[in-house]
Amino acid sequence: MNLLNQPWIPVQRANGATESIAPWQITESENPIIRLAAPRHDYDGALAQFLIGLLQTAAPPKDGQQWEAWLDSPPSPDTLKSHFSQYEAAFELDGDGPRFMQDIEAFEGEEKPISGLLIEAPGNRTSTLFLDHFIKDGNHNGLCQCCAATALFTLQTNAPSGGVGHRTSLRGGGPLTTLVVADIGAGEDPLPDTLWTQLWLNVLDQKAMNGVSGNSALSADANIFPWLVATRTSEAKTGVATTPEDAHPLQMYWAMPRRIRLEWQSEKPGQCDLCGAQSQSLVTSYTTRNYGTNYNGAWQHPLSPHYQDKKSGEMLPIHAQPDGLVYRHWLAWTQGDDRCLPARVVREYQNRKLEHEQLRLWAFGYDMDNMKARGWHEKFYPLYMLENDVVRKIFFGRAAQMISLSTQVAGFVQGCVKDAWFSPGAEVRGETAFIKDAFFQQTEAVFFSELNALKNQLKEGDGREALQRWHGRLAHHALKLFDHWASRGDVTVADPRRIAEAYRKLRNMIYGKKLLQTLGIESGKEVAA
C-alpha cells in the first residue's frame, strides 16, 4: 500500500458524504472536501500534520506571493500528484524495501498486539497488575491498513515515554500542536470552507523554512525520511543523539523515534476494530525494539509553541496539562511573552497580516503522565486581526491585564474555599486545583466576549472601561463559585461562621484597594456596580 497513491485518508465532502481519498485529491473542486473525518479526534490532528508535512516537503511555496496565490486558487489534484510523486518510494507501508516510519531492516524484538500502537493502550506492567480499569487491552485486535498507518504516524509524532530506551517524539511525549485555521463564514471576505484552506494556512514559504532548526545542507531524501536508511540508534555506549545539525529541517515533520515493524504475515481478513470497515488484510501485531532515534538539542518544531526552560535557558515544546486548554494560555500561544514563543506557523500568520477575517487557533494534544495518557485536549481560539500596530499593542496589553486579573481572582477563590472548608492549621490532603480550573472554565466565554467588545471600543478610546467591566464579571463568577463549593465541604465539620468569614475575605480581596488601583478602577464605583 502506497500512502501517496492509494485512498486511505478519511474525509467529509461538502454534501456530507464521507469517503477515503489519496493525498493529492484534497483540492478536488467538485463537491469539495471540507474536513478530515477520522474515527478519533486525535487522528484528525495527526492526519492534519501528515498532510501539512507532505505539502511542506513536496510542494512548498517559493515565496509569500506564491503562497497567497495558492491560498486563493489551489493547485489542481494533478499538480499535487506530480509534486508528491517524487517521494513515492518513501511512503510504502509494506513490502521488501523501505517502509513508511518503520525500520528498513527486520530485527529481533518484542512482538506486541497492534493495539499497542494506540497512545492510550495500557502497558505490560499495567495489564499484569490489573490496573487497566478504564482502558482495557484487547479492544483493538485488528486494524485495517489505513488505521494502522494513521496509528503508526500518530505514535511516532506524539511518542510518550515507553520504558528504557523507547524514545519520545522529537517534541517530547504528547506535544501541544497549534495550527492556524479559518473561521468559516466570518468577516467580509471569508476564506473557502475547504480542507485545503485549513492545511495551506500552516505551510511555510521557503524563506520562512530557512529560519527553522535543522541542517538544510543535508538535502538527501534519507535526511528527511529517516526510514530510508538504517536507523540512527541511541544505545548508551554505541549510539548517538540526533541534533538539528544531523538532519534536514523537514525531518521534524517525519521524525521516527520508535523502532517498529508492522507484521504483515499476521494479517487476516475481517472488520477493522477502529473504523469498522471490512478489510482483506487486518494487521494484528507489530515488532518493536528500544534505542531508536534520540532527538536531542535545540529542535523547534514549526507546529508547536515553545517555552524557555528556567534552568537550561533552552526553548522547549509546550505540552498539554491536566487543567486542559484554558484561556489564560491563549495570549502566550498566539502573541508570546517573556518565556513563550508561539509556533512558527502562528508567527507567520501574524507577519502576513491577511485581509481575511477571521482566523482561529486550533490547539490540541495529549496530557501525558510519562507513559500514561491522562486525556486528549482540543479547543479552538480566536486570532484577532487588528487595524494597526498601535491598536494591536493596546488590545493585547489590555488582554494581558484581563488574564492577570482572572489569574489573581482564581487564586483568591481557591484559597477562600479552602478557608471555608478547613479550620486554621488543619492538615489538608488532596488537591484543590479543580476549583481554580472551574473558575477559568466558567469565565472563558465571557472573556472572549469582552475581548470582542474591547476591539470595538478601541476605535474611540483606550479600552480602560473594558477592564472595569471585566472586573465586575469576575467578581460575580468568583462569589457565585464560592457559594457553590463552600456548601459542598464535609457537613460533619461545616462551620457557618468560618464560611461567612471566608466569604467576607474573598469579597475584600476582590474589591481591595491594591487590586483596583492596578486596574485604574476607583474603589467604590465597582462595589456599587
Protein backbone atom coordinates (compact mmCIF):
# COMPACT_ATOMS: atom_id res chain seq x y z
CA MET A 1 0.00 0.00 0.00
CA ASN A 2 1.44 3.36 -1.04
CA LEU A 3 0.23 6.26 1.10
CA LEU A 4 0.62 8.81 -1.69
CA ASN A 5 -1.26 6.99 -4.43
CA GLN A 6 -3.96 4.95 -2.73
CA PRO A 7 -7.07 6.24 -0.92
CA TRP A 8 -6.71 5.94 2.85
CA ILE A 9 -7.38 9.36 4.40
CA PRO A 10 -10.99 9.63 5.69
CA VAL A 11 -12.66 12.93 4.75
CA GLN A 12 -16.06 14.59 4.51
CA ARG A 13 -17.22 16.40 1.39
CA ALA A 14 -19.43 19.48 1.13
CA ASN A 15 -22.58 17.39 0.63
CA GLY A 16 -21.91 15.48 3.86
CA ALA A 17 -20.66 12.28 2.22
CA THR A 18 -17.62 10.60 3.77
CA GLU A 19 -15.00 8.58 1.92
CA SER A 20 -11.29 7.84 1.82
CA ILE A 21 -9.01 9.72 -0.56
CA ALA A 22 -5.39 9.81 -1.66
CA PRO A 23 -3.49 12.92 -0.51
CA TRP A 24 -3.38 14.50 -3.96
CA GLN A 25 -7.20 14.62 -4.07
CA ILE A 26 -7.52 17.28 -1.33
CA THR A 27 -8.08 20.09 -3.88
CA GLU A 28 -10.84 18.44 -5.90
CA SER A 29 -13.23 21.26 -6.77
CA GLU A 30 -16.41 19.32 -7.48
CA ASN A 31 -18.14 18.60 -4.18
CA PRO A 32 -15.00 19.83 -2.35
CA ILE A 33 -13.50 18.22 0.72
CA ILE A 34 -14.25 20.29 3.82
CA ARG A 35 -12.71 18.38 6.70
CA LEU A 36 -10.95 15.25 7.93
CA ALA A 37 -13.26 12.52 9.23
CA ALA A 38 -11.09 10.05 11.13
CA PRO A 39 -12.77 7.77 13.69
CA ARG A 40 -10.90 9.58 16.51
CA HIS A 41 -10.21 13.27 17.18
CA ASP A 42 -6.52 12.65 17.84
CA TYR A 43 -6.27 11.00 14.43
CA ASP A 44 -7.77 14.09 12.79
CA GLY A 45 -4.97 16.08 14.40
CA ALA A 46 -2.34 13.59 13.28
CA LEU A 47 -3.63 13.44 9.69
CA ALA A 48 -3.67 17.24 9.50
CA GLN A 49 0.02 17.21 10.49
CA PHE A 50 0.73 14.44 7.97
CA LEU A 51 -0.79 16.46 5.13
CA ILE A 52 0.85 19.73 6.22
CA GLY A 53 4.18 17.93 6.37
CA LEU A 54 3.62 16.43 2.93
CA LEU A 55 2.78 19.82 1.40
CA GLN A 56 5.74 21.42 3.18
CA THR A 57 8.05 18.71 1.86
CA ALA A 58 6.81 18.15 -1.68
CA ALA A 59 5.08 21.41 -2.69
CA PRO A 60 6.48 24.32 -0.63
CA PRO A 61 5.72 27.81 -1.96
CA LYS A 62 8.86 29.62 -3.06
CA ASP A 63 7.72 32.92 -1.55
CA GLY A 64 4.79 34.73 0.04
CA GLN A 65 3.37 35.67 -3.34
CA GLN A 66 3.03 32.06 -4.45
CA TRP A 67 1.67 31.13 -1.02
CA GLU A 68 -1.13 33.70 -1.33
CA ALA A 69 -1.81 32.66 -4.94
CA TRP A 70 -2.34 29.03 -3.92
CA LEU A 71 -4.44 30.06 -0.91
CA ASP A 72 -6.88 31.83 -3.23
CA SER A 73 -6.57 29.42 -6.20
CA PRO A 74 -5.48 25.95 -5.07
CA PRO A 75 -3.37 23.80 -7.40
CA SER A 76 -5.16 21.06 -9.29
CA PRO A 77 -5.10 17.47 -7.99
CA ASP A 78 -2.88 16.55 -10.97
CA THR A 79 -0.40 19.25 -9.97
CA LEU A 80 -0.27 17.94 -6.42
CA LYS A 81 0.07 14.38 -7.67
CA SER A 82 3.05 15.43 -9.76
CA HIS A 83 4.69 17.13 -6.79
CA PHE A 84 4.07 14.17 -4.48
CA SER A 85 5.27 11.52 -6.94
CA GLN A 86 8.94 12.35 -6.37
CA TYR A 87 8.66 10.84 -2.87
CA GLU A 88 6.60 7.74 -3.64
CA ALA A 89 9.37 5.37 -2.53
CA ALA A 90 9.29 6.80 1.00
CA PHE A 91 5.58 6.15 1.50
CA GLU A 92 5.25 2.40 1.01
CA LEU A 93 3.56 0.97 4.08
CA ASP A 94 4.64 -2.64 3.41
CA GLY A 95 6.90 -4.58 1.06
CA ASP A 96 10.54 -5.66 0.94
CA GLY A 97 12.04 -2.18 0.67
CA PRO A 98 11.79 0.87 2.91
CA ARG A 99 8.52 1.05 4.84
CA PHE A 100 6.85 4.24 5.99
CA MET A 101 8.01 5.13 9.52
CA GLN A 102 9.41 1.64 10.14
CA ASP A 103 12.93 0.26 10.44
CA ILE A 104 14.32 -0.51 6.99
CA GLU A 105 15.59 -3.90 8.18
CA ALA A 106 13.80 -6.62 10.09
CA PHE A 107 15.05 -7.13 13.64
CA GLU A 108 14.52 -9.39 16.60
CA GLY A 109 12.39 -7.66 19.18
CA GLU A 110 9.25 -7.82 21.27
CA GLU A 111 6.11 -8.72 19.35
CA LYS A 112 3.09 -6.76 20.53
CA PRO A 113 -0.61 -6.74 19.66
CA ILE A 114 -1.49 -3.99 17.23
CA SER A 115 -3.45 -2.19 19.97
CA GLY A 116 -0.07 -1.20 21.42
CA LEU A 117 0.21 1.47 18.70
CA LEU A 118 -2.61 3.39 20.37
CA ILE A 119 -1.29 6.09 22.70
CA GLU A 120 -3.77 5.26 25.46
CA ALA A 121 -3.17 1.49 25.37
CA PRO A 122 -2.12 0.12 28.80
CA GLY A 123 1.47 -1.10 29.07
CA ASN A 124 2.52 -4.60 30.03
CA ARG A 125 3.00 -3.72 33.71
CA THR A 126 -0.39 -2.00 33.89
CA SER A 127 -2.16 -5.05 32.43
CA THR A 128 -0.18 -7.53 34.53
CA LEU A 129 -1.11 -5.73 37.75
CA PHE A 130 -4.75 -5.39 36.64
CA LEU A 131 -4.58 -1.59 36.84
CA ASP A 132 -6.27 -1.08 33.47
CA HIS A 133 -9.68 -0.33 34.99
CA PHE A 134 -10.82 2.20 32.41
CA ILE A 135 -8.85 1.24 29.28
CA LYS A 136 -8.81 -2.47 28.65
CA ASP A 137 -6.39 -4.31 26.42
CA GLY A 138 -7.80 -6.40 23.61
CA ASN A 139 -10.41 -3.95 22.29
CA HIS A 140 -8.46 -3.41 19.06
CA ASN A 141 -7.23 -6.80 17.89
CA GLY A 142 -7.05 -5.97 14.19
CA LEU A 143 -6.60 -2.72 12.23
CA CYS A 144 -7.08 -2.11 8.53
CA GLN A 145 -4.07 -0.76 6.67
CA CYS A 146 -5.49 2.79 6.73
CA CYS A 147 -5.93 2.83 10.50
CA ALA A 148 -2.61 1.06 11.05
CA ALA A 149 -0.84 3.78 9.04
CA THR A 150 -2.62 6.52 10.99
CA ALA A 151 -1.87 4.86 14.34
CA LEU A 152 1.78 4.46 13.38
CA PHE A 153 2.16 8.11 12.38
CA THR A 154 0.27 9.27 15.49
CA LEU A 155 2.56 7.29 17.78
CA GLN A 156 5.79 8.44 16.12
CA THR A 157 4.60 12.07 16.18
CA ASN A 158 3.45 12.04 19.82
CA ALA A 159 5.53 9.20 21.28
CA PRO A 160 5.46 9.25 25.11
CA SER A 161 7.98 7.56 27.37
CA GLY A 162 7.86 3.85 26.69
CA GLY A 163 10.32 2.31 29.09
CA VAL A 164 14.11 2.03 28.93
CA GLY A 165 15.38 3.17 25.54
CA HIS A 166 11.94 3.66 23.97
CA ARG A 167 12.38 7.25 22.84
CA THR A 168 9.88 10.08 22.98
CA SER A 169 8.91 12.11 19.92
CA LEU A 170 11.06 14.96 18.65
CA ARG A 171 8.83 17.29 20.70
CA GLY A 172 8.66 15.02 23.74
CA GLY A 173 5.73 12.90 24.89
CA GLY A 174 2.37 14.32 23.85
CA PRO A 175 3.36 17.74 22.44
CA LEU A 176 0.86 20.56 22.08
CA THR A 177 0.14 21.46 18.45
CA THR A 178 -1.28 24.84 17.44
CA LEU A 179 -2.49 25.38 13.88
CA VAL A 180 -3.97 28.41 12.14
CA VAL A 181 -7.37 27.60 10.64
CA ALA A 182 -10.14 29.61 9.02
CA ASP A 183 -13.22 30.66 10.94
CA ILE A 184 -15.60 29.76 8.17
CA GLY A 185 -18.12 32.45 7.25
CA ALA A 186 -16.58 35.16 9.45
CA GLY A 187 -15.59 38.54 8.13
CA GLU A 188 -16.33 40.44 4.96
CA ASP A 189 -14.09 38.27 2.79
CA PRO A 190 -14.21 34.78 4.30
CA LEU A 191 -11.90 32.05 3.16
CA PRO A 192 -13.40 29.00 1.41
CA ASP A 193 -14.73 26.21 3.60
CA THR A 194 -12.29 23.55 2.43
CA LEU A 195 -9.71 21.22 3.92
CA TRP A 196 -7.16 22.79 1.58
CA THR A 197 -7.62 26.18 3.26
CA GLN A 198 -7.08 24.73 6.73
CA LEU A 199 -3.92 22.93 5.67
CA TRP A 200 -2.32 25.59 3.47
CA LEU A 201 -2.58 28.22 6.22
CA ASN A 202 0.09 26.19 8.04
CA VAL A 203 2.56 25.71 5.20
CA LEU A 204 5.62 27.97 5.30
CA ASP A 205 7.25 29.50 2.27
CA GLN A 206 10.88 28.62 1.61
CA LYS A 207 12.21 31.83 3.18
CA ALA A 208 10.42 31.06 6.45
CA MET A 209 11.64 27.45 6.37
CA ASN A 210 15.23 28.68 6.13
CA GLY A 211 14.84 30.02 9.65
CA VAL A 212 13.74 26.79 11.35
CA SER A 213 16.00 24.33 13.16
CA GLY A 214 17.83 21.69 11.17
CA ASN A 215 20.68 21.42 8.67
CA SER A 216 19.38 22.30 5.21
CA ALA A 217 22.71 21.27 3.66
CA LEU A 218 21.73 17.64 4.33
CA SER A 219 19.33 17.53 1.41
CA ALA A 220 19.26 13.81 0.60
CA ASP A 221 15.89 12.09 0.99
CA ALA A 222 17.30 9.93 3.80
CA ASN A 223 17.96 13.09 5.83
CA ILE A 224 14.25 13.93 5.57
CA PHE A 225 12.74 10.43 5.85
CA PRO A 226 14.89 8.51 8.37
CA TRP A 227 13.37 5.12 7.47
CA LEU A 228 15.11 5.15 4.08
CA VAL A 229 18.38 4.11 5.73
CA ALA A 230 19.48 2.12 8.77
CA THR A 231 18.08 3.56 11.98
CA ARG A 232 20.30 6.02 13.83
CA THR A 233 20.23 4.14 17.14
CA SER A 234 20.88 5.56 20.60
CA GLU A 235 22.30 2.84 22.85
CA ALA A 236 24.12 4.11 25.92
CA LYS A 237 27.65 3.24 24.75
CA THR A 238 27.49 2.84 20.99
CA GLY A 239 24.55 5.03 19.98
CA VAL A 240 24.34 8.73 19.15
CA ALA A 241 21.93 11.59 19.73
CA THR A 242 20.31 13.29 16.75
CA THR A 243 20.59 17.08 16.92
CA PRO A 244 19.47 19.75 14.43
CA GLU A 245 22.91 19.54 12.86
CA ASP A 246 22.32 15.89 11.98
CA ALA A 247 19.13 16.12 9.93
CA HIS A 248 17.30 18.27 7.40
CA PRO A 249 14.69 20.67 8.86
CA LEU A 250 11.91 18.70 7.18
CA GLN A 251 12.69 15.66 9.31
CA MET A 252 10.80 17.44 12.10
CA TYR A 253 7.60 16.51 10.22
CA TRP A 254 8.74 12.89 9.75
CA ALA A 255 10.67 12.14 12.92
CA MET A 256 10.86 8.41 13.79
CA PRO A 257 11.87 7.89 17.44
CA ARG A 258 10.42 4.38 17.82
CA ARG A 259 11.79 1.23 16.19
CA ILE A 260 8.74 -0.55 14.80
CA ARG A 261 7.97 -3.14 12.10
CA LEU A 262 4.34 -3.94 11.29
CA GLU A 263 3.94 -7.70 10.99
CA TRP A 264 2.21 -8.27 7.67
CA GLN A 265 2.48 -12.06 7.93
CA SER A 266 -0.03 -11.85 10.77
CA GLU A 267 -2.65 -10.11 8.64
CA LYS A 268 -6.11 -11.59 8.16
CA PRO A 269 -9.44 -10.52 6.63
CA GLY A 270 -12.16 -9.06 8.83
CA GLN A 271 -13.63 -5.88 10.26
CA CYS A 272 -11.29 -3.15 11.50
CA ASP A 273 -11.77 -2.69 15.24
CA LEU A 274 -11.13 1.04 14.91
CA CYS A 275 -13.09 2.32 11.92
CA GLY A 276 -15.40 -0.66 11.37
CA ALA A 277 -14.51 -1.08 7.68
CA GLN A 278 -14.21 -4.52 6.13
CA SER A 279 -10.66 -5.31 5.08
CA GLN A 280 -8.89 -8.17 3.36
CA SER A 281 -5.73 -7.52 5.36
CA LEU A 282 -6.14 -6.60 9.01
CA VAL A 283 -2.86 -6.06 10.87
CA THR A 284 -2.84 -7.79 14.26
CA SER A 285 0.68 -7.27 15.60
CA TYR A 286 3.97 -5.42 15.30
CA THR A 287 7.52 -5.89 16.49
CA THR A 288 9.35 -3.21 18.44
CA ARG A 289 12.80 -2.66 19.85
CA ASN A 290 14.25 0.05 22.05
CA TYR A 291 17.02 2.60 21.43
CA GLY A 292 15.61 4.21 18.33
CA THR A 293 16.44 7.74 17.20
CA ASN A 294 17.02 10.04 20.18
CA TYR A 295 16.17 13.59 19.09
CA ASN A 296 18.14 15.98 21.26
CA GLY A 297 19.18 19.60 21.23
CA ALA A 298 17.52 22.83 20.08
CA TRP A 299 14.78 21.44 17.84
CA GLN A 300 11.87 23.88 17.41
CA HIS A 301 9.01 22.26 15.53
CA PRO A 302 7.06 24.77 13.36
CA LEU A 303 3.68 23.49 14.61
CA SER A 304 4.26 23.82 18.38
CA PRO A 305 4.70 26.75 20.79
CA HIS A 306 7.84 26.67 22.93
CA TYR A 307 8.79 28.00 26.36
CA GLN A 308 12.17 28.92 27.82
CA ASP A 309 13.37 26.49 30.45
CA LYS A 310 14.46 28.38 33.58
CA LYS A 311 17.44 26.14 34.28
CA SER A 312 18.94 25.49 30.85
CA GLY A 313 17.64 28.54 29.02
CA GLU A 314 16.66 26.29 26.09
CA MET A 315 13.37 26.67 24.23
CA LEU A 316 11.32 23.52 24.87
CA PRO A 317 8.00 22.46 23.32
CA ILE A 318 4.86 23.09 25.37
CA HIS A 319 2.74 20.11 26.41
CA ALA A 320 -0.91 19.89 27.41
CA GLN A 321 -1.54 19.82 31.16
CA PRO A 322 -4.22 18.24 33.41
CA ASP A 323 -6.14 21.54 33.61
CA GLY A 324 -6.73 21.32 29.87
CA LEU A 325 -6.53 24.17 27.38
CA VAL A 326 -7.74 27.34 29.09
CA TYR A 327 -7.79 30.95 28.00
CA ARG A 328 -5.06 32.04 30.39
CA HIS A 329 -2.62 30.31 27.97
CA TRP A 330 -4.18 31.76 24.81
CA LEU A 331 -2.22 35.01 24.74
CA ALA A 332 1.17 33.32 25.11
CA TRP A 333 0.35 30.80 22.38
CA THR A 334 -0.73 33.50 19.94
CA GLN A 335 1.41 36.54 20.84
CA GLY A 336 4.17 35.17 23.00
CA ASP A 337 5.62 36.67 26.17
CA ASP A 338 8.92 36.78 28.06
CA ARG A 339 9.12 32.99 28.22
CA CYS A 340 6.85 31.68 25.48
CA LEU A 341 7.36 31.65 21.72
CA PRO A 342 4.31 30.90 19.55
CA ALA A 343 4.54 28.18 16.91
CA ARG A 344 6.32 29.29 13.75
CA VAL A 345 3.15 28.92 11.68
CA VAL A 346 1.34 31.25 14.10
CA ARG A 347 4.10 33.84 13.86
CA GLU A 348 3.95 33.65 10.08
CA TYR A 349 0.21 34.33 10.19
CA GLN A 350 0.98 37.49 12.13
CA ASN A 351 3.62 38.56 9.61
CA ARG A 352 1.33 38.00 6.64
CA LYS A 353 -1.41 40.28 8.02
CA LEU A 354 -4.08 38.64 5.88
CA GLU A 355 -7.07 40.66 4.79
CA HIS A 356 -9.36 37.72 5.51
CA GLU A 357 -11.31 37.68 8.77
CA GLN A 358 -11.39 35.74 10.89
CA LEU A 359 -8.87 33.05 11.63
CA ARG A 360 -8.72 30.76 14.63
CA LEU A 361 -6.14 28.81 16.55
CA TRP A 362 -6.69 25.05 16.64
CA ALA A 363 -4.86 23.74 19.72
CA PHE A 364 -4.69 20.05 20.56
CA GLY A 365 -2.56 17.45 22.30
CA TYR A 366 -2.38 14.63 24.81
CA ASP A 367 -1.98 15.20 28.52
CA MET A 368 0.66 12.58 29.33
CA ASP A 369 1.99 11.39 32.68
CA ASN A 370 5.13 9.67 31.39
CA MET A 371 3.73 6.56 29.68
CA LYS A 372 0.12 7.11 30.76
CA ALA A 373 -2.32 9.15 28.69
CA ARG A 374 -4.50 11.10 31.12
CA GLY A 375 -6.57 12.75 28.42
CA TRP A 376 -6.86 14.33 24.99
CA HIS A 377 -7.42 18.09 24.85
CA GLU A 378 -8.63 20.06 21.85
CA LYS A 379 -10.00 23.59 21.51
CA PHE A 380 -10.40 26.47 19.07
CA TYR A 381 -9.46 30.05 19.98
CA PRO A 382 -9.88 33.32 18.05
CA LEU A 383 -6.99 35.03 16.28
CA TYR A 384 -7.62 38.76 16.07
CA MET A 385 -6.84 40.89 13.02
CA LEU A 386 -6.24 44.48 14.12
CA GLU A 387 -6.04 47.72 12.18
CA ASN A 388 -2.53 48.87 13.05
CA ASP A 389 0.37 48.33 15.42
CA VAL A 390 -0.83 50.96 17.89
CA VAL A 391 -4.25 49.35 18.28
CA ARG A 392 -2.63 45.95 18.37
CA LYS A 393 -0.36 46.97 21.26
CA ILE A 394 -3.22 48.40 23.30
CA PHE A 395 -5.53 45.45 22.59
CA PHE A 396 -3.12 42.74 23.64
CA GLY A 397 -1.90 44.85 26.55
CA ARG A 398 -5.45 45.02 27.87
CA ALA A 399 -5.90 41.29 27.21
CA ALA A 400 -2.79 40.58 29.30
CA GLN A 401 -4.20 42.70 32.15
CA MET A 402 -7.50 40.82 31.96
CA ILE A 403 -5.76 37.45 32.13
CA SER A 404 -3.58 38.60 35.02
CA LEU A 405 -6.70 39.75 36.88
CA SER A 406 -8.54 36.47 36.32
CA THR A 407 -5.49 34.51 37.47
CA GLN A 408 -5.36 36.50 40.71
CA VAL A 409 -9.09 36.15 41.35
CA ALA A 410 -8.98 32.41 40.62
CA GLY A 411 -6.32 32.08 43.30
CA PHE A 412 -8.46 34.10 45.71
CA VAL A 413 -11.41 31.74 45.17
CA GLN A 414 -9.31 28.62 45.64
CA GLY A 415 -7.76 29.93 48.87
CA CYS A 416 -11.02 31.16 50.37
CA VAL A 417 -12.88 27.92 49.63
CA LYS A 418 -10.12 26.09 51.49
CA ASP A 419 -10.57 28.56 54.37
CA ALA A 420 -14.29 27.75 54.36
CA TRP A 421 -13.72 24.01 54.37
CA PHE A 422 -10.91 23.65 56.87
CA SER A 423 -10.11 25.22 60.22
CA PRO A 424 -6.79 27.11 60.57
CA GLY A 425 -3.83 24.75 60.96
CA ALA A 426 -5.78 21.70 59.78
CA GLU A 427 -3.85 19.08 57.79
CA VAL A 428 -5.25 19.23 54.27
CA ARG A 429 -4.93 16.26 51.93
CA GLY A 430 -5.72 16.14 48.26
CA GLU A 431 -5.67 18.77 45.54
CA THR A 432 -7.96 21.77 45.29
CA ALA A 433 -6.68 22.97 41.91
CA PHE A 434 -10.01 21.86 40.39
CA ILE A 435 -11.59 24.96 41.97
CA LYS A 436 -9.28 27.24 40.00
CA ASP A 437 -9.85 25.14 36.86
CA ALA A 438 -13.62 25.50 37.27
CA PHE A 439 -13.24 29.28 37.57
CA PHE A 440 -11.37 29.52 34.26
CA GLN A 441 -13.88 27.25 32.54
CA GLN A 442 -16.83 29.33 33.74
CA THR A 443 -15.28 32.64 32.69
CA GLU A 444 -13.81 31.64 29.31
CA ALA A 445 -16.81 32.50 27.15
CA VAL A 446 -17.20 35.82 29.00
CA PHE A 447 -13.51 36.58 28.46
CA PHE A 448 -13.68 36.33 24.68
CA SER A 449 -16.98 38.18 24.62
CA GLU A 450 -15.30 41.04 26.46
CA LEU A 451 -12.34 40.92 24.06
CA ASN A 452 -14.70 41.35 21.11
CA ALA A 453 -16.24 44.35 22.86
CA LEU A 454 -12.78 45.73 23.60
CA LYS A 455 -11.83 45.52 19.95
CA ASN A 456 -14.77 47.73 19.02
CA GLN A 457 -14.12 50.16 21.88
CA LEU A 458 -10.55 50.78 20.75
CA LYS A 459 -11.89 52.67 17.74
CA GLU A 460 -12.78 55.53 20.09
CA GLY A 461 -10.76 55.08 23.29
CA ASP A 462 -8.08 53.13 25.15
CA GLY A 463 -10.37 50.34 26.35
CA ARG A 464 -9.95 51.05 30.06
CA GLU A 465 -13.68 50.62 30.63
CA ALA A 466 -13.28 47.02 29.44
CA LEU A 467 -11.12 46.34 32.50
CA GLN A 468 -13.77 47.74 34.80
CA ARG A 469 -16.46 45.61 33.21
CA TRP A 470 -14.21 42.52 33.29
CA HIS A 471 -13.55 43.07 36.99
CA GLY A 472 -17.28 43.13 37.64
CA ARG A 473 -17.81 39.93 35.66
CA LEU A 474 -15.01 38.17 37.54
CA ALA A 475 -16.39 39.30 40.90
CA HIS A 476 -19.81 37.87 40.01
CA HIS A 477 -18.42 34.48 38.99
CA ALA A 478 -15.98 34.33 41.90
CA LEU A 479 -18.66 34.86 44.55
CA LYS A 480 -21.05 32.50 42.77
CA LEU A 481 -18.41 29.79 42.57
CA PHE A 482 -17.51 30.26 46.22
CA ASP A 483 -21.16 29.75 47.19
CA HIS A 484 -21.25 26.59 45.09
CA TRP A 485 -18.14 24.98 46.57
CA ALA A 486 -18.26 26.28 50.15
CA SER A 487 -21.52 24.40 50.75
CA ARG A 488 -20.01 21.14 49.49
CA GLY A 489 -17.44 20.59 52.22
CA ASP A 490 -17.70 17.90 54.88
CA VAL A 491 -21.09 18.60 56.52
CA THR A 492 -19.93 16.97 59.74
CA VAL A 493 -17.33 19.69 60.32
CA ALA A 494 -19.02 22.59 58.48
CA ASP A 495 -18.80 25.87 60.36
CA PRO A 496 -21.23 28.60 59.18
CA ARG A 497 -19.15 31.29 60.84
CA ARG A 498 -15.97 30.11 59.15
CA ILE A 499 -17.77 30.09 55.78
CA ALA A 500 -19.08 33.63 56.35
CA GLU A 501 -15.61 34.87 57.28
CA ALA A 502 -14.10 33.24 54.20
CA TYR A 503 -16.79 34.87 52.03
CA ARG A 504 -16.05 38.27 53.56
CA LYS A 505 -12.33 37.73 53.00
CA LEU A 506 -12.90 36.84 49.34
CA ARG A 507 -15.03 39.91 48.76
CA ASN A 508 -12.46 42.17 50.42
CA MET A 509 -9.69 40.71 48.28
CA ILE A 510 -11.65 41.12 45.05
CA TYR A 511 -12.56 44.72 45.82
CA GLY A 512 -9.31 45.50 47.61
CA LYS A 513 -7.77 48.91 47.02
CA LYS A 514 -4.47 47.47 45.77
CA LEU A 515 -6.10 45.28 43.16
CA LEU A 516 -8.41 48.05 41.93
CA GLN A 517 -5.60 50.57 41.70
CA THR A 518 -3.58 48.32 39.41
CA LEU A 519 -6.53 48.44 37.02
CA GLY A 520 -7.18 52.16 37.38
CA ILE A 521 -10.58 51.40 38.90
CA GLU A 522 -11.97 53.73 41.53
CA SER A 523 -12.79 51.92 44.74
CA GLY A 524 -16.49 52.20 45.46
CA LYS A 525 -17.62 52.63 41.86
CA GLU A 526 -17.21 48.93 41.17
CA VAL A 527 -18.65 47.92 44.54
CA ALA A 528 -21.78 49.86 43.73
CA ALA A 529 -21.94 48.23 40.30
